[in-house]
Amino acid sequence: MTDALLLTEAEAAERLRVCTRTLRKARHAGLLHYVLIGRAIRYTLPDLESYIECLRQVQPVCPTKEPTRRTARPSRRGGEIVPFTVRNARR
């Protein structure tokens, strides 16, 4: 067996700097692998590393593409502005 250190849910959450609820949600969504020993849930360091990798975001870089310009929308005709005192008198 390799040197697989098993972390509790609290230890894994502390290591990732997230709350334990975040780990539970990821586990239920199938994003985070875990080890089940009886009813105790444990995590290995490679499990946490693969979870981090699946969450990694990459910003696309498009230097040749110019930003799109917004065109002015045609103005909408709004309703009539009625003073509060006049509005109550109409009822």
N, C-alpha and C. Protein backbone atom coordinates (compact mmCIF):
# COMPACT_ATOMS: atom_id res chain seq x y z
N MET A 1 0.84 -1.19 0.00
CA MET A 1 0.00 0.00 0.00
C MET A 1 0.88 1.25 0.00
N THR A 2 0.47 2.27 -0.70
CA THR A 2 1.25 3.51 -0.75
C THR A 2 1.03 4.32 0.51
N ASP A 3 1.73 5.41 0.62
CA ASP A 3 1.59 6.29 1.79
C ASP A 3 0.36 7.17 1.61
N ALA A 4 -0.80 6.57 1.60
CA ALA A 4 -2.03 7.32 1.43
C ALA A 4 -2.51 7.79 2.80
N LEU A 5 -2.45 9.07 3.01
CA LEU A 5 -2.91 9.65 4.26
C LEU A 5 -4.41 9.88 4.12
N LEU A 6 -5.19 9.36 5.04
CA LEU A 6 -6.64 9.54 5.00
C LEU A 6 -7.02 10.71 5.88
N LEU A 7 -7.73 11.65 5.29
CA LEU A 7 -8.16 12.84 6.00
C LEU A 7 -9.64 12.76 6.32
N THR A 8 -10.01 13.25 7.49
CA THR A 8 -11.43 13.35 7.83
C THR A 8 -12.04 14.48 7.00
N GLU A 9 -13.35 14.58 7.06
CA GLU A 9 -14.03 15.63 6.31
C GLU A 9 -13.60 17.02 6.80
N ALA A 10 -13.46 17.17 8.09
CA ALA A 10 -13.05 18.46 8.65
C ALA A 10 -11.61 18.79 8.26
N GLU A 11 -10.73 17.79 8.27
CA GLU A 11 -9.33 18.03 7.89
C GLU A 11 -9.21 18.38 6.41
N ALA A 12 -9.98 17.67 5.57
CA ALA A 12 -9.95 17.95 4.14
C ALA A 12 -10.50 19.35 3.85
N ALA A 13 -11.58 19.71 4.53
CA ALA A 13 -12.17 21.04 4.34
C ALA A 13 -11.19 22.12 4.77
N GLU A 14 -10.51 21.89 5.88
CA GLU A 14 -9.53 22.86 6.36
C GLU A 14 -8.37 22.99 5.37
N ARG A 15 -7.96 21.87 4.81
CA ARG A 15 -6.84 21.88 3.86
C ARG A 15 -7.21 22.63 2.58
N LEU A 16 -8.47 22.49 2.13
CA LEU A 16 -8.93 23.20 0.93
C LEU A 16 -9.45 24.60 1.24
N ARG A 17 -9.58 24.90 2.52
CA ARG A 17 -10.12 26.19 2.99
C ARG A 17 -11.54 26.42 2.50
N VAL A 18 -12.36 25.38 2.65
CA VAL A 18 -13.79 25.46 2.34
C VAL A 18 -14.53 24.86 3.53
N CYS A 19 -15.85 25.01 3.54
CA CYS A 19 -16.61 24.42 4.64
C CYS A 19 -16.91 22.95 4.31
N THR A 20 -17.26 22.20 5.31
CA THR A 20 -17.52 20.78 5.12
C THR A 20 -18.73 20.56 4.22
N ARG A 21 -19.67 21.47 4.24
CA ARG A 21 -20.86 21.37 3.38
C ARG A 21 -20.46 21.39 1.91
N THR A 22 -19.45 22.16 1.56
CA THR A 22 -18.97 22.23 0.19
C THR A 22 -18.43 20.86 -0.24
N LEU A 23 -17.72 20.19 0.65
CA LEU A 23 -17.21 18.86 0.35
C LEU A 23 -18.35 17.87 0.17
N ARG A 24 -19.35 17.94 1.03
CA ARG A 24 -20.50 17.03 0.90
C ARG A 24 -21.23 17.23 -0.42
N LYS A 25 -21.41 18.48 -0.82
CA LYS A 25 -22.10 18.77 -2.08
C LYS A 25 -21.29 18.23 -3.26
N ALA A 26 -19.98 18.41 -3.22
CA ALA A 26 -19.11 17.91 -4.29
C ALA A 26 -19.12 16.39 -4.34
N ARG A 27 -19.15 15.77 -3.18
CA ARG A 27 -19.18 14.30 -3.11
C ARG A 27 -20.49 13.77 -3.69
N HIS A 28 -21.60 14.38 -3.34
CA HIS A 28 -22.91 13.95 -3.85
C HIS A 28 -23.05 14.22 -5.34
N ALA A 29 -22.37 15.24 -5.84
CA ALA A 29 -22.42 15.56 -7.27
C ALA A 29 -21.48 14.66 -8.08
N GLY A 30 -20.65 13.87 -7.39
CA GLY A 30 -19.72 12.97 -8.07
C GLY A 30 -18.43 13.65 -8.49
N LEU A 31 -18.16 14.83 -7.98
CA LEU A 31 -16.94 15.55 -8.34
C LEU A 31 -15.76 15.19 -7.46
N LEU A 32 -16.03 14.66 -6.28
CA LEU A 32 -14.99 14.39 -5.31
C LEU A 32 -15.03 12.92 -4.91
N HIS A 33 -13.92 12.23 -5.15
CA HIS A 33 -13.82 10.82 -4.76
C HIS A 33 -13.53 10.74 -3.27
N TYR A 34 -13.89 9.61 -2.67
CA TYR A 34 -13.69 9.45 -1.23
C TYR A 34 -13.53 7.99 -0.90
N VAL A 35 -13.11 7.72 0.33
CA VAL A 35 -12.95 6.36 0.84
C VAL A 35 -13.99 6.19 1.95
N LEU A 36 -14.73 5.10 1.88
CA LEU A 36 -15.74 4.82 2.89
C LEU A 36 -15.26 3.67 3.76
N ILE A 37 -15.04 3.93 5.03
CA ILE A 37 -14.63 2.91 5.99
C ILE A 37 -15.75 2.80 7.00
N GLY A 38 -16.55 1.77 6.85
CA GLY A 38 -17.76 1.66 7.66
C GLY A 38 -18.69 2.79 7.27
N ARG A 39 -18.98 3.66 8.22
CA ARG A 39 -19.79 4.85 7.92
C ARG A 39 -18.94 6.12 7.90
N ALA A 40 -17.63 5.95 8.07
CA ALA A 40 -16.72 7.10 8.11
C ALA A 40 -16.23 7.42 6.70
N ILE A 41 -16.32 8.67 6.33
CA ILE A 41 -15.87 9.13 5.02
C ILE A 41 -14.50 9.76 5.19
N ARG A 42 -13.57 9.31 4.35
CA ARG A 42 -12.21 9.83 4.38
C ARG A 42 -11.80 10.22 2.97
N TYR A 43 -10.83 11.13 2.90
CA TYR A 43 -10.32 11.63 1.63
C TYR A 43 -8.82 11.43 1.57
N THR A 44 -8.31 11.13 0.39
CA THR A 44 -6.86 11.05 0.20
C THR A 44 -6.39 12.34 -0.46
N LEU A 45 -5.10 12.61 -0.36
CA LEU A 45 -4.56 13.81 -0.99
C LEU A 45 -4.73 13.79 -2.51
N PRO A 46 -4.51 12.64 -3.18
CA PRO A 46 -4.78 12.62 -4.63
C PRO A 46 -6.24 12.89 -4.98
N ASP A 47 -7.18 12.47 -4.11
CA ASP A 47 -8.60 12.78 -4.34
C ASP A 47 -8.83 14.28 -4.31
N LEU A 48 -8.22 14.96 -3.34
CA LEU A 48 -8.37 16.41 -3.23
C LEU A 48 -7.72 17.12 -4.41
N GLU A 49 -6.56 16.63 -4.84
CA GLU A 49 -5.87 17.24 -5.98
C GLU A 49 -6.68 17.08 -7.27
N SER A 50 -7.28 15.91 -7.48
CA SER A 50 -8.08 15.71 -8.70
C SER A 50 -9.34 16.58 -8.65
N TYR A 51 -9.89 16.80 -7.45
CA TYR A 51 -11.05 17.68 -7.30
C TYR A 51 -10.68 19.11 -7.68
N ILE A 52 -9.51 19.55 -7.24
CA ILE A 52 -9.04 20.89 -7.58
C ILE A 52 -8.87 21.01 -9.09
N GLU A 53 -8.30 20.00 -9.72
CA GLU A 53 -8.08 20.03 -11.17
C GLU A 53 -9.39 20.10 -11.94
N CYS A 54 -10.43 19.40 -11.46
CA CYS A 54 -11.70 19.43 -12.19
C CYS A 54 -12.40 20.78 -12.04
N LEU A 55 -12.01 21.58 -11.05
CA LEU A 55 -12.60 22.90 -10.86
C LEU A 55 -11.80 24.02 -11.50
N ARG A 56 -10.62 23.68 -12.02
CA ARG A 56 -9.73 24.72 -12.58
C ARG A 56 -10.40 25.41 -13.76
N GLN A 57 -10.37 26.74 -13.76
CA GLN A 57 -10.96 27.57 -14.81
C GLN A 57 -9.84 28.20 -15.63
N VAL A 58 -10.05 28.27 -16.93
CA VAL A 58 -9.08 28.90 -17.81
C VAL A 58 -9.77 30.02 -18.56
N GLN A 59 -9.18 31.21 -18.51
CA GLN A 59 -9.73 32.35 -19.22
C GLN A 59 -9.27 32.30 -20.67
N PRO A 60 -10.19 32.36 -21.64
CA PRO A 60 -9.78 32.36 -23.03
C PRO A 60 -9.09 33.68 -23.39
N VAL A 61 -8.06 33.58 -24.19
CA VAL A 61 -7.32 34.77 -24.61
C VAL A 61 -7.55 34.94 -26.10
N CYS A 62 -8.14 36.07 -26.49
CA CYS A 62 -8.42 36.37 -27.89
C CYS A 62 -7.90 37.77 -28.21
N PRO A 63 -6.59 37.92 -28.44
CA PRO A 63 -6.06 39.27 -28.67
C PRO A 63 -6.50 39.88 -30.00
N THR A 64 -6.85 39.06 -31.00
CA THR A 64 -7.21 39.61 -32.30
C THR A 64 -8.66 40.06 -32.37
N LYS A 65 -9.46 39.58 -31.49
CA LYS A 65 -10.88 39.92 -31.52
C LYS A 65 -11.13 41.25 -30.84
N GLU A 66 -11.79 42.14 -31.54
CA GLU A 66 -12.12 43.44 -30.96
C GLU A 66 -13.38 43.33 -30.12
N PRO A 67 -13.46 44.10 -29.04
CA PRO A 67 -14.67 44.03 -28.22
C PRO A 67 -15.88 44.53 -29.01
N THR A 68 -16.99 43.90 -28.76
CA THR A 68 -18.21 44.31 -29.45
C THR A 68 -18.72 45.61 -28.84
N ARG A 69 -19.28 46.44 -29.70
CA ARG A 69 -19.82 47.71 -29.23
C ARG A 69 -21.33 47.58 -29.11
N ARG A 70 -21.83 48.14 -28.08
CA ARG A 70 -23.28 48.11 -27.88
C ARG A 70 -23.93 49.24 -28.67
N THR A 71 -25.02 48.91 -29.26
CA THR A 71 -25.78 49.95 -29.97
C THR A 71 -26.86 50.46 -29.04
N ALA A 72 -27.21 51.69 -29.22
CA ALA A 72 -28.24 52.29 -28.38
C ALA A 72 -29.59 51.68 -28.71
N ARG A 73 -30.32 51.34 -27.70
CA ARG A 73 -31.67 50.80 -27.89
C ARG A 73 -32.63 51.94 -28.14
N PRO A 74 -33.63 51.68 -28.92
CA PRO A 74 -34.64 52.72 -29.09
C PRO A 74 -35.35 52.95 -27.76
N SER A 75 -35.65 54.20 -27.50
CA SER A 75 -36.28 54.51 -26.22
C SER A 75 -37.70 53.95 -26.19
N ARG A 76 -38.07 53.46 -25.05
CA ARG A 76 -39.43 52.93 -24.88
C ARG A 76 -40.32 54.05 -24.39
N ARG A 77 -41.53 54.00 -24.86
CA ARG A 77 -42.49 54.99 -24.37
C ARG A 77 -43.00 54.50 -23.03
N GLY A 78 -42.81 55.29 -22.05
CA GLY A 78 -43.25 54.92 -20.72
C GLY A 78 -44.66 55.41 -20.46
N GLY A 79 -45.14 55.07 -19.32
CA GLY A 79 -46.46 55.53 -18.93
C GLY A 79 -46.44 56.98 -18.52
N GLU A 80 -47.56 57.47 -18.21
CA GLU A 80 -47.71 58.86 -17.81
C GLU A 80 -47.26 59.01 -16.36
N ILE A 81 -46.51 60.04 -16.07
CA ILE A 81 -46.08 60.30 -14.69
C ILE A 81 -47.18 61.12 -14.03
N VAL A 82 -47.72 60.56 -12.96
CA VAL A 82 -48.82 61.19 -12.25
C VAL A 82 -48.38 61.47 -10.83
N PRO A 83 -48.52 62.68 -10.33
CA PRO A 83 -48.18 62.97 -8.93
C PRO A 83 -49.01 62.11 -7.98
N PHE A 84 -48.45 61.83 -6.85
CA PHE A 84 -49.08 60.95 -5.88
C PHE A 84 -50.47 61.47 -5.45
N THR A 85 -50.57 62.75 -5.22
CA THR A 85 -51.85 63.31 -4.76
C THR A 85 -52.92 63.18 -5.84
N VAL A 86 -52.55 63.34 -7.09
CA VAL A 86 -53.51 63.21 -8.17
C VAL A 86 -53.91 61.76 -8.36
N ARG A 87 -52.93 60.83 -8.20
CA ARG A 87 -53.21 59.42 -8.38
C ARG A 87 -54.26 58.95 -7.37
N ASN A 88 -54.13 59.39 -6.12
CA ASN A 88 -55.10 58.98 -5.10
C ASN A 88 -56.48 59.59 -5.37
N ALA A 89 -56.51 60.74 -5.96
CA ALA A 89 -57.78 61.39 -6.24
C ALA A 89 -58.52 60.68 -7.38
N ARG A 90 -57.82 59.99 -8.25
CA ARG A 90 -58.46 59.30 -9.38
C ARG A 90 -59.23 58.07 -8.93
N ARG A 91 -58.91 57.50 -7.82
CA ARG A 91 -59.56 56.24 -7.38
C ARG A 91 -60.94 56.45 -6.91
